[in-house]
N, C-alpha and C. Protein backbone atom coordinates (compact mmCIF):
# COMPACT_ATOMS: atom_id res chain seq x y z
N GLN A 1 0.55 -1.22 -0.21
CA GLN A 1 0.08 0.11 -0.02
C GLN A 1 0.65 1.05 -0.12
N VAL A 2 0.19 2.43 -0.32
CA VAL A 2 1.00 3.61 -0.73
C VAL A 2 0.16 4.65 0.09
N GLN A 3 0.57 5.37 0.74
CA GLN A 3 -0.11 6.61 1.32
C GLN A 3 0.66 7.69 0.83
N LEU A 4 -0.11 8.73 0.45
CA LEU A 4 -0.12 10.10 0.13
C LEU A 4 -0.79 11.09 0.85
N VAL A 5 0.30 12.10 1.07
CA VAL A 5 -0.51 13.25 1.84
C VAL A 5 -0.12 14.52 1.39
N GLU A 6 -1.02 15.29 0.99
CA GLU A 6 -0.89 16.83 0.37
C GLU A 6 -0.67 17.95 1.04
N SER A 7 -0.44 19.03 1.05
CA SER A 7 -0.08 19.99 1.35
C SER A 7 -0.27 21.10 0.66
N GLY A 8 -0.40 22.40 1.17
CA GLY A 8 -0.04 23.55 0.39
C GLY A 8 -1.27 24.38 -0.26
N GLY A 9 -2.44 23.79 -0.18
CA GLY A 9 -3.58 24.45 -0.89
C GLY A 9 -3.78 26.00 0.08
N GLY A 10 -5.06 26.38 -0.46
CA GLY A 10 -5.40 27.75 0.14
C GLY A 10 -5.91 28.66 -0.78
N LEU A 11 -6.03 30.00 -0.46
CA LEU A 11 -6.78 30.85 -1.14
C LEU A 11 -5.57 31.93 -1.84
N VAL A 12 -5.72 32.27 -3.00
CA VAL A 12 -5.04 33.31 -3.87
C VAL A 12 -5.64 34.23 -4.78
N GLN A 13 -5.21 35.35 -5.14
CA GLN A 13 -5.76 35.86 -6.01
C GLN A 13 -5.33 35.57 -7.43
N THR A 14 -6.50 36.21 -8.37
CA THR A 14 -6.05 35.67 -9.76
C THR A 14 -4.62 36.72 -10.20
N GLY A 15 -3.74 35.74 -10.55
CA GLY A 15 -2.55 35.75 -11.19
C GLY A 15 -1.31 35.38 -10.34
N GLY A 16 -1.60 34.96 -8.75
CA GLY A 16 -0.87 34.76 -7.87
C GLY A 16 -0.43 33.22 -8.07
N SER A 17 0.55 32.88 -6.89
CA SER A 17 1.32 31.42 -7.16
C SER A 17 0.96 30.67 -5.95
N LEU A 18 0.85 29.50 -6.21
CA LEU A 18 0.97 28.70 -5.05
C LEU A 18 1.89 27.35 -5.45
N ARG A 19 2.23 26.69 -4.32
CA ARG A 19 3.00 25.19 -4.49
C ARG A 19 2.45 24.17 -3.64
N LEU A 20 1.72 22.91 -4.34
CA LEU A 20 1.46 22.14 -3.43
C LEU A 20 2.56 20.98 -3.58
N SER A 21 2.63 20.23 -2.57
CA SER A 21 3.58 19.31 -2.22
C SER A 21 2.78 17.99 -1.75
N CYS A 22 3.94 16.89 -1.83
CA CYS A 22 2.74 15.52 -1.56
C CYS A 22 3.70 14.48 -1.36
N ALA A 23 3.83 14.26 -0.20
CA ALA A 23 4.74 13.15 0.39
C ALA A 23 4.08 11.84 0.12
N ALA A 24 4.87 10.70 -0.43
CA ALA A 24 4.40 9.16 -0.17
C ALA A 24 5.23 8.63 0.50
N SER A 25 4.33 7.55 1.03
CA SER A 25 5.32 6.36 2.06
C SER A 25 4.59 5.21 1.76
N GLY A 26 5.18 3.98 2.37
CA GLY A 26 4.58 2.65 2.49
C GLY A 26 5.51 2.05 1.41
N SER A 27 4.87 1.34 0.19
CA SER A 27 5.30 0.41 -0.60
C SER A 27 6.01 1.47 -2.17
N ILE A 28 6.94 2.14 -1.52
CA ILE A 28 7.34 3.39 -2.44
C ILE A 28 7.61 2.78 -3.89
N ASN A 29 8.62 1.44 -3.63
CA ASN A 29 8.85 0.96 -4.93
C ASN A 29 7.75 0.44 -6.04
N SER A 30 6.54 0.49 -5.73
CA SER A 30 5.61 -0.38 -6.26
C SER A 30 5.15 1.05 -7.03
N ILE A 31 5.70 2.30 -6.99
CA ILE A 31 4.97 3.33 -7.84
C ILE A 31 6.03 3.66 -8.75
N ASN A 32 5.07 4.11 -9.78
CA ASN A 32 5.64 4.48 -11.09
C ASN A 32 5.62 5.84 -11.37
N ALA A 33 4.39 6.37 -12.20
CA ALA A 33 4.11 8.16 -12.30
C ALA A 33 3.49 8.25 -10.97
N MET A 34 3.61 9.77 -10.81
CA MET A 34 3.00 10.48 -9.94
C MET A 34 2.67 11.84 -10.19
N GLY A 35 1.33 12.29 -9.88
CA GLY A 35 0.99 13.56 -10.12
C GLY A 35 -0.22 13.94 -9.47
N TRP A 36 -0.76 15.14 -10.17
CA TRP A 36 -1.75 15.78 -9.72
C TRP A 36 -3.24 15.70 -10.64
N TYR A 37 -4.14 15.69 -10.29
CA TYR A 37 -5.53 15.54 -10.63
C TYR A 37 -6.40 16.77 -9.78
N ARG A 38 -7.38 17.44 -10.62
CA ARG A 38 -8.44 18.36 -9.75
C ARG A 38 -9.62 17.85 -10.29
N GLN A 39 -10.39 18.44 -8.86
CA GLN A 39 -11.92 18.05 -9.66
C GLN A 39 -12.58 19.30 -9.14
N ALA A 40 -13.41 20.19 -9.79
CA ALA A 40 -14.20 21.39 -9.72
C ALA A 40 -15.10 20.94 -9.10
N PRO A 41 -16.23 21.83 -8.44
CA PRO A 41 -17.81 21.46 -8.02
C PRO A 41 -18.60 21.20 -9.53
N GLY A 42 -19.13 20.17 -9.39
CA GLY A 42 -20.04 19.78 -10.50
C GLY A 42 -19.15 19.11 -11.66
N LYS A 43 -18.12 19.07 -11.41
CA LYS A 43 -17.23 18.66 -12.97
C LYS A 43 -16.69 17.08 -12.47
N GLN A 44 -16.04 16.78 -13.38
CA GLN A 44 -15.27 15.22 -13.52
C GLN A 44 -13.90 15.39 -13.02
N ARG A 45 -13.17 14.54 -12.01
CA ARG A 45 -11.84 14.83 -11.93
C ARG A 45 -11.11 14.75 -13.36
N GLU A 46 -10.31 15.56 -13.21
CA GLU A 46 -9.28 15.76 -14.57
C GLU A 46 -7.72 15.85 -13.78
N LEU A 47 -7.03 15.27 -15.18
CA LEU A 47 -5.51 15.38 -15.12
C LEU A 47 -4.95 16.77 -15.07
N VAL A 48 -4.35 17.13 -14.32
CA VAL A 48 -3.63 18.43 -14.21
C VAL A 48 -2.20 18.34 -14.70
N ALA A 49 -1.38 17.42 -14.13
CA ALA A 49 0.17 17.18 -14.42
C ALA A 49 0.49 15.75 -14.12
N ILE A 50 1.34 15.08 -14.63
CA ILE A 50 1.85 13.94 -14.37
C ILE A 50 3.41 13.94 -14.60
N ILE A 51 4.31 13.09 -13.59
CA ILE A 51 5.59 12.87 -13.90
C ILE A 51 6.06 11.67 -13.74
N ASP A 52 6.78 10.60 -14.59
CA ASP A 52 6.81 9.42 -14.49
C ASP A 52 8.42 9.41 -13.76
N ASN A 53 8.77 8.16 -13.62
CA ASN A 53 10.22 7.57 -12.77
C ASN A 53 11.28 8.43 -13.50
N GLY A 54 11.45 8.71 -14.98
CA GLY A 54 12.46 9.07 -15.71
C GLY A 54 12.39 10.33 -15.79
N GLY A 55 11.14 11.25 -15.17
CA GLY A 55 11.15 12.74 -15.28
C GLY A 55 10.57 13.16 -16.46
N THR A 56 9.58 12.29 -17.03
CA THR A 56 8.66 12.73 -18.43
C THR A 56 7.56 13.34 -18.00
N THR A 57 7.18 14.26 -18.44
CA THR A 57 6.04 14.96 -17.84
C THR A 57 4.91 15.01 -18.90
N ASN A 58 4.06 15.43 -18.23
CA ASN A 58 2.64 15.38 -19.22
C ASN A 58 1.86 16.47 -18.31
N TYR A 59 1.03 17.49 -19.13
CA TYR A 59 0.37 18.34 -18.90
C TYR A 59 -1.12 18.66 -19.37
N ALA A 60 -1.53 18.90 -18.59
CA ALA A 60 -3.22 19.51 -19.52
C ALA A 60 -2.99 20.82 -20.03
N ASP A 61 -3.75 20.93 -21.02
CA ASP A 61 -3.50 21.96 -22.00
C ASP A 61 -3.93 23.31 -21.45
N SER A 62 -4.79 23.07 -20.47
CA SER A 62 -5.05 24.64 -19.78
C SER A 62 -4.21 24.78 -18.82
N VAL A 63 -3.22 24.28 -18.29
CA VAL A 63 -2.15 24.54 -17.44
C VAL A 63 -0.95 24.45 -17.87
N LYS A 64 -0.73 24.25 -19.45
CA LYS A 64 0.66 24.30 -19.63
C LYS A 64 1.49 25.72 -19.90
N GLY A 65 2.48 26.01 -19.40
CA GLY A 65 3.27 27.11 -19.46
C GLY A 65 3.05 27.87 -18.24
N ARG A 66 2.19 27.45 -17.27
CA ARG A 66 1.79 28.35 -16.02
C ARG A 66 2.14 27.15 -14.79
N PHE A 67 1.71 25.96 -15.10
CA PHE A 67 2.28 24.89 -13.76
C PHE A 67 3.28 24.11 -14.05
N THR A 68 4.10 23.69 -13.25
CA THR A 68 5.24 22.90 -13.19
C THR A 68 5.34 21.72 -12.22
N VAL A 69 5.44 20.32 -12.58
CA VAL A 69 5.41 19.22 -11.87
C VAL A 69 6.74 18.93 -11.41
N SER A 70 7.01 18.37 -10.29
CA SER A 70 8.67 18.26 -10.28
C SER A 70 8.62 16.81 -9.12
N ARG A 71 9.23 16.31 -9.35
CA ARG A 71 9.33 14.89 -8.58
C ARG A 71 11.09 14.87 -7.72
N ASP A 72 10.82 14.44 -6.64
CA ASP A 72 12.09 14.30 -5.77
C ASP A 72 12.07 12.84 -5.10
N ASN A 73 12.75 12.07 -5.90
CA ASN A 73 12.66 10.54 -5.69
C ASN A 73 13.50 10.16 -4.69
N ALA A 74 14.49 10.77 -4.08
CA ALA A 74 15.14 10.47 -2.94
C ALA A 74 14.51 10.88 -1.45
N LYS A 75 13.47 11.65 -1.70
CA LYS A 75 12.65 12.33 -0.70
C LYS A 75 11.02 11.72 -0.93
N ASN A 76 10.73 10.85 -2.04
CA ASN A 76 9.60 10.65 -2.22
C ASN A 76 8.60 11.64 -2.37
N THR A 77 8.77 12.48 -3.19
CA THR A 77 7.54 13.84 -3.03
C THR A 77 7.41 14.28 -4.46
N VAL A 78 6.29 14.74 -4.58
CA VAL A 78 6.00 15.30 -5.99
C VAL A 78 5.52 16.89 -5.57
N SER A 79 5.80 17.54 -6.46
CA SER A 79 5.41 18.94 -6.21
C SER A 79 4.47 19.42 -7.53
N LEU A 80 3.83 20.63 -6.90
CA LEU A 80 3.04 21.29 -8.40
C LEU A 80 3.30 22.72 -8.17
N GLN A 81 4.03 23.57 -8.73
CA GLN A 81 4.23 24.94 -8.81
C GLN A 81 3.11 25.69 -9.77
N MET A 82 2.24 26.23 -8.94
CA MET A 82 1.12 26.91 -9.96
C MET A 82 1.34 28.49 -9.99
N ASN A 83 1.49 29.15 -11.23
CA ASN A 83 1.51 30.45 -11.57
C ASN A 83 0.79 30.80 -12.07
N SER A 84 0.23 32.51 -12.35
CA SER A 84 -0.66 32.95 -13.36
C SER A 84 -2.02 32.05 -13.00
N LEU A 85 -2.39 31.81 -11.34
CA LEU A 85 -3.34 31.14 -11.31
C LEU A 85 -4.83 32.14 -11.75
N LYS A 86 -5.42 31.26 -12.18
CA LYS A 86 -7.00 31.84 -12.66
C LYS A 86 -8.39 31.04 -11.96
N PRO A 87 -9.33 32.02 -11.88
CA PRO A 87 -10.47 31.49 -11.23
C PRO A 87 -10.94 29.96 -11.49
N GLU A 88 -10.76 29.79 -12.66
CA GLU A 88 -11.06 28.50 -13.32
C GLU A 88 -10.05 27.28 -12.86
N ASP A 89 -9.15 27.50 -11.88
CA ASP A 89 -8.22 26.71 -11.51
C ASP A 89 -8.69 25.99 -9.98
N THR A 90 -9.74 27.11 -9.87
CA THR A 90 -10.43 26.49 -8.35
C THR A 90 -10.82 25.29 -8.26
N ALA A 91 -10.36 24.32 -7.52
CA ALA A 91 -10.71 22.95 -7.40
C ALA A 91 -10.10 22.31 -5.97
N VAL A 92 -10.40 21.17 -5.79
CA VAL A 92 -9.63 20.27 -5.30
C VAL A 92 -8.75 19.95 -5.80
N TYR A 93 -7.24 19.79 -5.28
CA TYR A 93 -6.50 18.94 -5.88
C TYR A 93 -5.81 17.94 -5.54
N TYR A 94 -5.66 16.57 -5.99
CA TYR A 94 -5.50 15.49 -5.52
C TYR A 94 -3.98 14.83 -5.70
N CYS A 95 -3.38 14.46 -5.00
CA CYS A 95 -1.90 13.77 -5.29
C CYS A 95 -2.35 12.20 -5.63
N ALA A 96 -1.88 11.83 -6.68
CA ALA A 96 -2.15 10.37 -7.41
C ALA A 96 -0.80 9.86 -7.49
N ALA A 97 -0.88 8.29 -7.40
CA ALA A 97 0.27 7.61 -7.71
C ALA A 97 -0.04 6.18 -8.46
N GLN A 98 0.83 6.13 -9.57
CA GLN A 98 0.51 4.79 -10.41
C GLN A 98 1.15 3.58 -9.91
N SER A 99 0.26 2.68 -9.91
CA SER A 99 1.01 1.30 -9.75
C SER A 99 1.67 0.87 -10.88
N ILE A 100 2.93 0.43 -10.44
CA ILE A 100 3.95 -0.29 -11.30
C ILE A 100 3.40 -1.79 -11.96
N TYR A 101 2.91 -2.26 -10.96
CA TYR A 101 2.06 -3.58 -11.56
C TYR A 101 0.89 -3.24 -12.31
N TYR A 102 -0.14 -2.53 -12.11
CA TYR A 102 -1.49 -2.52 -12.54
C TYR A 102 -1.33 -1.29 -13.60
N MET A 103 -0.32 -0.61 -13.37
CA MET A 103 -0.48 0.43 -14.48
C MET A 103 -1.82 1.57 -14.40
N ASP A 104 -2.44 1.70 -13.13
CA ASP A 104 -3.73 2.49 -12.87
C ASP A 104 -3.30 3.52 -11.90
N TYR A 105 -4.00 4.53 -11.46
CA TYR A 105 -4.03 5.53 -10.79
C TYR A 105 -4.44 4.90 -9.61
N ARG A 106 -4.07 4.35 -8.57
CA ARG A 106 -4.73 3.69 -7.54
C ARG A 106 -4.73 4.27 -6.31
N TYR A 107 -3.75 4.97 -6.25
CA TYR A 107 -3.25 5.73 -4.80
C TYR A 107 -3.60 7.11 -4.93
N TRP A 108 -4.36 7.40 -4.15
CA TRP A 108 -4.93 8.99 -3.91
C TRP A 108 -4.75 9.65 -2.67
N GLY A 109 -4.14 10.91 -2.67
CA GLY A 109 -4.29 11.62 -1.20
C GLY A 109 -5.77 12.08 -0.99
N GLN A 110 -5.68 12.88 0.00
CA GLN A 110 -7.32 13.16 0.77
C GLN A 110 -7.75 14.40 -0.09
N GLY A 111 -6.87 15.39 -0.79
CA GLY A 111 -7.13 16.23 -1.39
C GLY A 111 -6.98 17.49 -0.56
N THR A 112 -6.40 18.59 -1.69
CA THR A 112 -6.40 19.96 -0.88
C THR A 112 -7.13 21.14 -1.71
N GLN A 113 -7.75 21.94 -1.05
CA GLN A 113 -8.66 23.10 -1.65
C GLN A 113 -7.61 24.03 -2.28
N VAL A 114 -7.83 24.50 -3.49
CA VAL A 114 -6.99 25.59 -4.02
C VAL A 114 -8.42 26.49 -4.56
N THR A 115 -8.54 27.76 -4.04
CA THR A 115 -9.47 28.85 -4.38
C THR A 115 -8.71 29.85 -4.96
N VAL A 116 -9.01 30.32 -5.97
CA VAL A 116 -8.37 31.66 -6.97
C VAL A 116 -9.66 32.65 -6.69
N SER A 117 -9.38 33.60 -6.29
CA SER A 117 -10.30 34.96 -6.27
C SER A 117 -10.15 35.67 -7.28
N SER A 118 -11.26 36.27 -7.83
CA SER A 118 -11.13 37.15 -9.12
C SER A 118 -11.26 38.51 -8.36
């Protein structure tokens, strides 16, 4: 099993920045990619950014150029630097980890709220 704990959410004005962090513990060796998803009220959960063990990243089109995902394998952490935030970025952000055995995102954090005021 893998446990994920997020931190760093909060309230920020349009154009501001926030940094989210996620610490993984447990069966670390069973993790392949890690990343971030988000869910806004009344909407489905969507991919924000992911990074695999080799450092390859993938971003949602809506955040490209504004968000940066990074990973520290020595510390078992993944972070999301969010710049130029917009009201439409308001959502609960979830850290996720992909199982190396099942290749699905089956490990999730509890979520952290990000609110961008206009």
